[in-house]
Amino acid sequence: MQDALCKISPVAYIDILDGDAEGHIRFHNPEEAKAVSDARAELQKEHSWKLEILSGDHEQRYWQKILVDRQVKLNRPREKKRGTEKLISKAEKIIIARAKEANKHIRFQED
């Protein structure tokens, strides 16, 4: 999706989850959004996408959703690790990743 849209205008952010039928695409400025909107007939024909620029109440509700999502992300509890505890945790992750990588190799033994 992003590749197809970037041919017309640079995409700032895509707010769509896998499997969703609807989503939001943000551009850096209104002119970029208008360029994509002007090409919507071509995009609908090629990809079956129905595009519209949000305005009025729909735009306000989307900006409120952005603010709520941002607050949820910022207020999410996270584990605070310091010093050696943090280093040990990183080392364990590296060891686990290397072990998984080593298990991907096929080894043959000579009889």
N, C-alpha and C. Protein backbone atom coordinates (compact mmCIF):
# COMPACT_ATOMS: atom_id res chain seq x y z
N MET A 1 0.83 -1.19 0.00
CA MET A 1 0.00 0.00 0.00
C MET A 1 0.87 1.25 0.00
N GLN A 2 1.83 1.29 0.91
CA GLN A 2 2.67 2.47 1.02
C GLN A 2 3.45 2.70 -0.27
N ASP A 3 3.94 1.63 -0.88
CA ASP A 3 4.70 1.78 -2.13
C ASP A 3 3.85 2.40 -3.22
N ALA A 4 2.60 1.94 -3.35
CA ALA A 4 1.71 2.46 -4.38
C ALA A 4 1.40 3.94 -4.14
N LEU A 5 1.18 4.31 -2.89
CA LEU A 5 0.85 5.70 -2.57
C LEU A 5 2.08 6.61 -2.70
N CYS A 6 3.25 6.09 -2.34
CA CYS A 6 4.47 6.91 -2.40
C CYS A 6 4.84 7.29 -3.83
N LYS A 7 4.31 6.55 -4.81
CA LYS A 7 4.55 6.93 -6.21
C LYS A 7 3.87 8.26 -6.52
N ILE A 8 2.84 8.58 -5.73
CA ILE A 8 2.09 9.82 -5.93
C ILE A 8 2.55 10.90 -4.95
N SER A 9 2.58 10.57 -3.65
CA SER A 9 3.00 11.50 -2.59
C SER A 9 3.65 10.73 -1.46
N PRO A 10 4.65 11.33 -0.79
CA PRO A 10 5.27 10.64 0.35
C PRO A 10 4.26 10.44 1.49
N VAL A 11 4.25 9.25 2.05
CA VAL A 11 3.34 8.91 3.14
C VAL A 11 4.03 9.16 4.47
N ALA A 12 3.34 9.85 5.38
CA ALA A 12 3.90 10.11 6.71
C ALA A 12 3.60 8.96 7.66
N TYR A 13 2.37 8.40 7.61
CA TYR A 13 1.98 7.38 8.56
C TYR A 13 0.77 6.63 8.03
N ILE A 14 0.76 5.31 8.21
CA ILE A 14 -0.39 4.50 7.84
C ILE A 14 -0.95 3.92 9.12
N ASP A 15 -2.22 4.16 9.36
CA ASP A 15 -2.90 3.72 10.57
C ASP A 15 -3.94 2.66 10.18
N ILE A 16 -3.43 1.47 9.83
CA ILE A 16 -4.29 0.35 9.43
C ILE A 16 -3.70 -0.91 10.04
N LEU A 17 -4.55 -1.71 10.64
CA LEU A 17 -4.11 -3.00 11.16
C LEU A 17 -4.34 -4.07 10.10
N ASP A 18 -3.50 -5.12 10.11
CA ASP A 18 -3.68 -6.21 9.15
C ASP A 18 -5.08 -6.78 9.27
N GLY A 19 -5.72 -6.96 8.13
CA GLY A 19 -7.06 -7.53 8.11
C GLY A 19 -8.17 -6.50 8.19
N ASP A 20 -7.85 -5.25 8.51
CA ASP A 20 -8.87 -4.21 8.58
C ASP A 20 -9.33 -3.81 7.18
N ALA A 21 -10.60 -3.51 7.06
CA ALA A 21 -11.14 -3.06 5.78
C ALA A 21 -11.00 -1.55 5.63
N GLU A 22 -10.85 -0.85 6.75
CA GLU A 22 -10.71 0.61 6.73
C GLU A 22 -9.49 1.03 7.52
N GLY A 23 -8.97 2.20 7.17
CA GLY A 23 -7.84 2.73 7.90
C GLY A 23 -7.62 4.19 7.54
N HIS A 24 -6.56 4.76 8.07
CA HIS A 24 -6.24 6.16 7.83
C HIS A 24 -4.80 6.28 7.34
N ILE A 25 -4.59 7.17 6.41
CA ILE A 25 -3.26 7.44 5.88
C ILE A 25 -2.99 8.91 6.09
N ARG A 26 -1.84 9.20 6.71
CA ARG A 26 -1.50 10.61 6.95
C ARG A 26 -0.35 11.02 6.03
N PHE A 27 -0.43 12.25 5.57
CA PHE A 27 0.61 12.82 4.72
C PHE A 27 1.23 14.00 5.45
N HIS A 28 2.33 14.50 4.94
CA HIS A 28 3.05 15.58 5.60
C HIS A 28 2.33 16.92 5.50
N ASN A 29 1.55 17.11 4.44
CA ASN A 29 0.83 18.38 4.29
C ASN A 29 -0.42 18.15 3.44
N PRO A 30 -1.35 19.10 3.44
CA PRO A 30 -2.60 18.94 2.70
C PRO A 30 -2.41 18.78 1.18
N GLU A 31 -1.37 19.37 0.63
CA GLU A 31 -1.14 19.26 -0.81
C GLU A 31 -0.84 17.82 -1.21
N GLU A 32 -0.07 17.11 -0.37
CA GLU A 32 0.24 15.71 -0.65
C GLU A 32 -1.03 14.85 -0.59
N ALA A 33 -1.89 15.12 0.39
CA ALA A 33 -3.14 14.39 0.50
C ALA A 33 -4.04 14.67 -0.71
N LYS A 34 -4.05 15.92 -1.16
CA LYS A 34 -4.86 16.28 -2.32
C LYS A 34 -4.37 15.58 -3.58
N ALA A 35 -3.05 15.45 -3.73
CA ALA A 35 -2.49 14.76 -4.90
C ALA A 35 -2.97 13.31 -4.95
N VAL A 36 -3.00 12.64 -3.80
CA VAL A 36 -3.50 11.27 -3.75
C VAL A 36 -5.00 11.25 -4.01
N SER A 37 -5.71 12.21 -3.45
CA SER A 37 -7.15 12.29 -3.67
C SER A 37 -7.47 12.50 -5.14
N ASP A 38 -6.66 13.30 -5.82
CA ASP A 38 -6.87 13.54 -7.25
C ASP A 38 -6.65 12.27 -8.08
N ALA A 39 -5.83 11.36 -7.56
CA ALA A 39 -5.55 10.11 -8.26
C ALA A 39 -6.40 8.96 -7.75
N ARG A 40 -7.45 9.27 -6.98
CA ARG A 40 -8.23 8.20 -6.37
C ARG A 40 -8.95 7.31 -7.37
N ALA A 41 -9.38 7.85 -8.51
CA ALA A 41 -10.05 7.02 -9.52
C ALA A 41 -9.09 5.95 -10.04
N GLU A 42 -7.86 6.36 -10.30
CA GLU A 42 -6.83 5.41 -10.77
C GLU A 42 -6.53 4.37 -9.70
N LEU A 43 -6.40 4.81 -8.42
CA LEU A 43 -6.11 3.90 -7.32
C LEU A 43 -7.26 2.93 -7.09
N GLN A 44 -8.49 3.40 -7.24
CA GLN A 44 -9.64 2.52 -7.05
C GLN A 44 -9.69 1.48 -8.17
N LYS A 45 -9.39 1.91 -9.38
CA LYS A 45 -9.40 0.98 -10.52
C LYS A 45 -8.30 -0.07 -10.36
N GLU A 46 -7.11 0.36 -9.94
CA GLU A 46 -5.96 -0.54 -9.85
C GLU A 46 -5.99 -1.42 -8.59
N HIS A 47 -6.37 -0.83 -7.43
CA HIS A 47 -6.29 -1.55 -6.15
C HIS A 47 -7.63 -1.75 -5.45
N SER A 48 -8.70 -1.21 -6.00
CA SER A 48 -10.04 -1.26 -5.39
C SER A 48 -10.11 -0.50 -4.07
N TRP A 49 -9.30 0.55 -3.94
CA TRP A 49 -9.31 1.38 -2.73
C TRP A 49 -10.28 2.53 -2.92
N LYS A 50 -11.09 2.77 -1.92
CA LYS A 50 -11.96 3.95 -1.91
C LYS A 50 -11.33 4.96 -0.96
N LEU A 51 -10.91 6.09 -1.50
CA LEU A 51 -10.20 7.09 -0.70
C LEU A 51 -11.03 8.36 -0.57
N GLU A 52 -10.96 8.97 0.60
CA GLU A 52 -11.58 10.27 0.81
C GLU A 52 -10.77 11.04 1.84
N ILE A 53 -10.76 12.34 1.69
CA ILE A 53 -10.06 13.19 2.65
C ILE A 53 -11.01 13.47 3.80
N LEU A 54 -10.53 13.24 5.03
CA LEU A 54 -11.36 13.50 6.20
C LEU A 54 -11.51 15.00 6.42
N SER A 55 -12.70 15.39 6.82
CA SER A 55 -12.94 16.79 7.16
C SER A 55 -14.03 16.86 8.21
N GLY A 56 -14.18 18.01 8.81
CA GLY A 56 -15.24 18.24 9.78
C GLY A 56 -15.17 17.32 10.98
N ASP A 57 -16.32 16.76 11.37
CA ASP A 57 -16.40 15.89 12.55
C ASP A 57 -15.53 14.65 12.42
N HIS A 58 -15.49 14.07 11.21
CA HIS A 58 -14.68 12.86 11.01
C HIS A 58 -13.20 13.15 11.28
N GLU A 59 -12.73 14.29 10.83
CA GLU A 59 -11.33 14.66 11.06
C GLU A 59 -11.09 14.91 12.55
N GLN A 60 -12.00 15.60 13.22
CA GLN A 60 -11.86 15.87 14.65
C GLN A 60 -11.81 14.57 15.45
N ARG A 61 -12.71 13.61 15.10
CA ARG A 61 -12.74 12.34 15.81
C ARG A 61 -11.44 11.57 15.60
N TYR A 62 -10.89 11.64 14.39
CA TYR A 62 -9.63 10.93 14.13
C TYR A 62 -8.49 11.55 14.94
N TRP A 63 -8.42 12.87 15.02
CA TRP A 63 -7.37 13.52 15.82
C TRP A 63 -7.53 13.18 17.30
N GLN A 64 -8.77 13.04 17.77
CA GLN A 64 -8.98 12.62 19.16
C GLN A 64 -8.48 11.19 19.36
N LYS A 65 -8.74 10.32 18.37
CA LYS A 65 -8.24 8.95 18.44
C LYS A 65 -6.71 8.93 18.52
N ILE A 66 -6.05 9.77 17.72
CA ILE A 66 -4.59 9.85 17.74
C ILE A 66 -4.10 10.23 19.14
N LEU A 67 -4.74 11.24 19.74
CA LEU A 67 -4.34 11.69 21.08
C LEU A 67 -4.56 10.61 22.13
N VAL A 68 -5.69 9.90 22.04
CA VAL A 68 -5.98 8.82 22.99
C VAL A 68 -4.96 7.70 22.83
N ASP A 69 -4.68 7.30 21.59
CA ASP A 69 -3.70 6.24 21.34
C ASP A 69 -2.33 6.63 21.88
N ARG A 70 -1.96 7.88 21.70
CA ARG A 70 -0.66 8.37 22.18
C ARG A 70 -0.60 8.29 23.70
N GLN A 71 -1.67 8.72 24.38
CA GLN A 71 -1.71 8.68 25.85
C GLN A 71 -1.63 7.24 26.37
N VAL A 72 -2.36 6.33 25.70
CA VAL A 72 -2.32 4.92 26.10
C VAL A 72 -0.89 4.39 25.98
N LYS A 73 -0.22 4.73 24.89
CA LYS A 73 1.16 4.28 24.69
C LYS A 73 2.09 4.85 25.76
N LEU A 74 1.95 6.14 26.05
CA LEU A 74 2.83 6.78 27.03
C LEU A 74 2.56 6.31 28.46
N ASN A 75 1.31 5.98 28.78
CA ASN A 75 0.96 5.58 30.14
C ASN A 75 1.05 4.08 30.38
N ARG A 76 1.46 3.33 29.36
CA ARG A 76 1.57 1.88 29.50
C ARG A 76 2.67 1.56 30.50
N PRO A 77 2.38 0.68 31.45
CA PRO A 77 3.43 0.33 32.43
C PRO A 77 4.54 -0.45 31.74
N ARG A 78 5.76 -0.16 32.14
CA ARG A 78 6.88 -0.88 31.56
C ARG A 78 7.85 -1.26 32.66
N GLU A 79 8.59 -2.30 32.37
CA GLU A 79 9.56 -2.79 33.35
C GLU A 79 10.79 -1.89 33.34
N LYS A 80 11.15 -1.42 34.50
CA LYS A 80 12.35 -0.59 34.60
C LYS A 80 13.48 -1.44 35.14
N LYS A 81 14.51 -1.60 34.31
CA LYS A 81 15.68 -2.37 34.73
C LYS A 81 16.87 -1.43 34.72
N ARG A 82 17.78 -1.66 35.66
CA ARG A 82 18.95 -0.79 35.75
C ARG A 82 20.20 -1.64 35.93
N GLY A 83 21.31 -1.06 35.58
CA GLY A 83 22.63 -1.64 35.85
C GLY A 83 22.81 -3.05 35.35
N THR A 84 23.33 -3.91 36.25
CA THR A 84 23.66 -5.28 35.86
C THR A 84 22.41 -6.07 35.47
N GLU A 85 21.28 -5.78 36.08
CA GLU A 85 20.03 -6.47 35.74
C GLU A 85 19.69 -6.25 34.26
N LYS A 86 19.89 -5.02 33.80
CA LYS A 86 19.61 -4.68 32.41
C LYS A 86 20.60 -5.40 31.48
N LEU A 87 21.87 -5.43 31.84
CA LEU A 87 22.89 -6.11 31.04
C LEU A 87 22.63 -7.61 30.95
N ILE A 88 22.26 -8.21 32.06
CA ILE A 88 21.97 -9.65 32.09
C ILE A 88 20.78 -9.95 31.19
N SER A 89 19.76 -9.11 31.24
CA SER A 89 18.58 -9.29 30.41
C SER A 89 18.93 -9.22 28.93
N LYS A 90 19.77 -8.25 28.54
CA LYS A 90 20.19 -8.12 27.15
C LYS A 90 21.01 -9.33 26.71
N ALA A 91 21.91 -9.78 27.58
CA ALA A 91 22.74 -10.95 27.26
C ALA A 91 21.87 -12.19 27.07
N GLU A 92 20.86 -12.37 27.92
CA GLU A 92 19.96 -13.52 27.78
C GLU A 92 19.23 -13.49 26.45
N LYS A 93 18.79 -12.30 26.04
CA LYS A 93 18.10 -12.17 24.75
C LYS A 93 19.03 -12.53 23.60
N ILE A 94 20.27 -12.10 23.67
CA ILE A 94 21.26 -12.42 22.63
C ILE A 94 21.53 -13.92 22.58
N ILE A 95 21.69 -14.54 23.74
CA ILE A 95 21.95 -15.98 23.81
C ILE A 95 20.78 -16.76 23.22
N ILE A 96 19.56 -16.36 23.56
CA ILE A 96 18.36 -17.04 23.03
C ILE A 96 18.28 -16.87 21.52
N ALA A 97 18.56 -15.66 21.02
CA ALA A 97 18.51 -15.41 19.58
C ALA A 97 19.55 -16.24 18.85
N ARG A 98 20.75 -16.34 19.39
CA ARG A 98 21.81 -17.14 18.76
C ARG A 98 21.47 -18.63 18.79
N ALA A 99 20.86 -19.07 19.88
CA ALA A 99 20.46 -20.49 19.97
C ALA A 99 19.40 -20.81 18.93
N LYS A 100 18.45 -19.92 18.74
CA LYS A 100 17.42 -20.13 17.72
C LYS A 100 18.04 -20.15 16.33
N GLU A 101 18.99 -19.27 16.09
CA GLU A 101 19.68 -19.20 14.80
C GLU A 101 20.47 -20.48 14.56
N ALA A 102 21.13 -20.99 15.60
CA ALA A 102 21.93 -22.21 15.48
C ALA A 102 21.04 -23.42 15.17
N ASN A 103 19.82 -23.41 15.68
CA ASN A 103 18.90 -24.53 15.44
C ASN A 103 18.38 -24.56 14.01
N LYS A 104 18.56 -23.49 13.27
CA LYS A 104 18.08 -23.44 11.89
C LYS A 104 19.02 -24.17 10.94
N HIS A 105 20.26 -24.39 11.36
CA HIS A 105 21.25 -25.03 10.49
C HIS A 105 21.06 -26.54 10.49
N ILE A 106 21.22 -27.13 9.31
CA ILE A 106 21.15 -28.59 9.19
C ILE A 106 22.58 -29.11 9.23
N ARG A 107 22.83 -30.06 10.12
CA ARG A 107 24.16 -30.60 10.26
C ARG A 107 24.15 -32.07 9.82
N PHE A 108 25.13 -32.44 9.04
CA PHE A 108 25.25 -33.82 8.59
C PHE A 108 26.44 -34.46 9.29
N GLN A 109 26.27 -35.69 9.69
CA GLN A 109 27.36 -36.40 10.36
C GLN A 109 27.85 -37.52 9.44
N GLU A 110 29.13 -37.67 9.39
CA GLU A 110 29.69 -38.77 8.61
C GLU A 110 29.69 -40.03 9.43
N ASP A 111 29.33 -41.15 8.82
CA ASP A 111 29.32 -42.42 9.54
C ASP A 111 30.67 -43.06 9.57
